[in-house]
Every structure is written in structure tokens, then in C-alpha cells.
Amino acid sequence: MAFHKGQKVVIFRKSEDEGWGEHMNQYVGLHGIITDPDTTKNDPDALIEVSVEGKGTHRFPQDCLRLLH
């Protein structure tokens, strides 16, 4: 699935990516807006920059994100 700037997402689970740190567990269940989907790379393993409501902007692996409709 391709993510695009401005889409609303939820961090719905812990990632299986090796870049996921224990400190990132606090973001599971939170909503955010994609600010940089790394579309220039078009790499499914690339991190996605998300502005998380009330928590700032962070980079997340794609396997922990789900689009909100």
C-alpha cells in the first residue's frame, strides 16, 4: 500500500521492524497525519514521517500504520 502526504493514519500495533524501540510503544493507538511518505524512494521498508496528535513528528515503519477513512 502506498502512503501519501496528508493521509490520516493510526499506529495500530508494534512494528516487526528492527528500528522499533521500546520507547515507541507509547504511540500505539494514536492517530496522526503523514507529513513525509518517502515517495521518492518508493521503498516498502522506508520509514514514514507522521505528525502524531499531541506528540510531535516521528518516523515509523510502514507495518505499524493503518489508514483511517
C-alpha atoms as a PDB file:
ATOM      1  CA  MET A   1       0.000   0.000   0.000  1.00  0.00           C
ATOM      2  CA  ALA A   2       1.322   3.433  -0.878  1.00  0.00           C
ATOM      3  CA  PHE A   3       1.053   6.195   1.692  1.00  0.00           C
ATOM      4  CA  HIS A   4       0.616   9.813   0.642  1.00  0.00           C
ATOM      5  CA  LYS A   5       1.213  13.150   2.337  1.00  0.00           C
ATOM      6  CA  GLY A   6      -1.827  14.385   4.249  1.00  0.00           C
ATOM      7  CA  GLN A   7      -3.416  10.963   4.830  1.00  0.00           C
ATOM      8  CA  LYS A   8      -4.705  10.230   8.321  1.00  0.00           C
ATOM      9  CA  VAL A   9      -3.295   7.105   9.956  1.00  0.00           C
ATOM     10  CA  VAL A  10      -3.367   5.205  13.219  1.00  0.00           C
ATOM     11  CA  ILE A  11      -0.345   3.482  14.742  1.00  0.00           C
ATOM     12  CA  PHE A  12      -2.264   0.265  15.313  1.00  0.00           C
ATOM     13  CA  ARG A  13       0.420  -2.118  16.595  1.00  0.00           C
ATOM     14  CA  LYS A  14       4.078  -2.597  17.413  1.00  0.00           C
ATOM     15  CA  SER A  15       6.249  -2.929  14.346  1.00  0.00           C
ATOM     16  CA  GLU A  16       8.277  -6.012  13.483  1.00  0.00           C
ATOM     17  CA  ASP A  17      10.955  -3.684  12.070  1.00  0.00           C
ATOM     18  CA  GLU A  18      14.335  -3.740  13.798  1.00  0.00           C
ATOM     19  CA  GLY A  19      14.153   0.058  14.086  1.00  0.00           C
ATOM     20  CA  TRP A  20      11.215  -0.147  16.501  1.00  0.00           C
ATOM     21  CA  GLY A  21      12.357   0.755  20.012  1.00  0.00           C
ATOM     22  CA  GLU A  22      10.540   0.052  23.268  1.00  0.00           C
ATOM     23  CA  HIS A  23      10.026   3.804  23.728  1.00  0.00           C
ATOM     24  CA  MET A  24       7.826   3.739  20.607  1.00  0.00           C
ATOM     25  CA  ASN A  25       5.194   1.563  22.313  1.00  0.00           C
ATOM     26  CA  GLN A  26       3.699   4.755  23.772  1.00  0.00           C
ATOM     27  CA  TYR A  27       2.466   5.703  20.281  1.00  0.00           C
ATOM     28  CA  VAL A  28       0.411   2.551  19.643  1.00  0.00           C
ATOM     29  CA  GLY A  29      -3.245   3.525  19.318  1.00  0.00           C
ATOM     30  CA  LEU A  30      -2.564   7.179  18.482  1.00  0.00           C
ATOM     31  CA  HIS A  31      -3.656   8.986  15.326  1.00  0.00           C
ATOM     32  CA  GLY A  32      -1.581  11.193  13.078  1.00  0.00           C
ATOM     33  CA  ILE A  33      -1.139  12.703   9.631  1.00  0.00           C
ATOM     34  CA  ILE A  34       1.548  11.647   7.155  1.00  0.00           C
ATOM     35  CA  THR A  35       3.965  14.516   6.558  1.00  0.00           C
ATOM     36  CA  ASP A  36       6.639  12.696   4.526  1.00  0.00           C
ATOM     37  CA  PRO A  37       5.829   9.328   2.930  1.00  0.00           C
ATOM     38  CA  ASP A  38       9.276   8.948   1.278  1.00  0.00           C
ATOM     39  CA  THR A  39       7.579   8.620  -2.117  1.00  0.00           C
ATOM     40  CA  THR A  40      10.833   9.415  -3.885  1.00  0.00           C
ATOM     41  CA  LYS A  41      12.253   6.100  -2.661  1.00  0.00           C
ATOM     42  CA  ASN A  42       9.068   4.069  -3.167  1.00  0.00           C
ATOM     43  CA  ASP A  43      10.587   1.552  -0.757  1.00  0.00           C
ATOM     44  CA  PRO A  44       8.113  -0.520   1.278  1.00  0.00           C
ATOM     45  CA  ASP A  45      10.706  -0.779   4.055  1.00  0.00           C
ATOM     46  CA  ALA A  46      11.238   3.001   4.263  1.00  0.00           C
ATOM     47  CA  LEU A  47      10.125   4.855   7.356  1.00  0.00           C
ATOM     48  CA  ILE A  48       7.113   7.149   7.128  1.00  0.00           C
ATOM     49  CA  GLU A  49       7.156  10.533   8.859  1.00  0.00           C
ATOM     50  CA  VAL A  50       3.941  11.072  10.833  1.00  0.00           C
ATOM     51  CA  SER A  51       2.797  14.085  12.827  1.00  0.00           C
ATOM     52  CA  VAL A  52       1.226  12.393  15.862  1.00  0.00           C
ATOM     53  CA  GLU A  53      -1.557  14.290  17.652  1.00  0.00           C
ATOM     54  CA  GLY A  54      -0.049  15.924  20.732  1.00  0.00           C
ATOM     55  CA  LYS A  55       3.267  14.050  20.445  1.00  0.00           C
ATOM     56  CA  GLY A  56       5.206  15.777  17.631  1.00  0.00           C
ATOM     57  CA  THR A  57       6.555  14.336  14.402  1.00  0.00           C
ATOM     58  CA  HIS A  58       8.194  10.903  14.338  1.00  0.00           C
ATOM     59  CA  ARG A  59       9.278   8.297  11.769  1.00  0.00           C
ATOM     60  CA  PHE A  60       7.525   4.920  11.813  1.00  0.00           C
ATOM     61  CA  PRO A  61       7.912   1.662   9.874  1.00  0.00           C
ATOM     62  CA  GLN A  62       5.035   1.064   7.465  1.00  0.00           C
ATOM     63  CA  ASP A  63       3.899  -2.204   9.038  1.00  0.00           C
ATOM     64  CA  CYS A  64       2.570  -0.456  12.129  1.00  0.00           C
ATOM     65  CA  LEU A  65       0.449   2.107  10.242  1.00  0.00           C
ATOM     66  CA  ARG A  66      -3.123   1.782   9.027  1.00  0.00           C
ATOM     67  CA  LEU A  67      -5.040   4.364   7.001  1.00  0.00           C
ATOM     68  CA  LEU A  68      -8.091   5.978   8.586  1.00  0.00           C
ATOM     69  CA  HIS A  69     -11.062   6.665   6.326  1.00  0.00           C
END
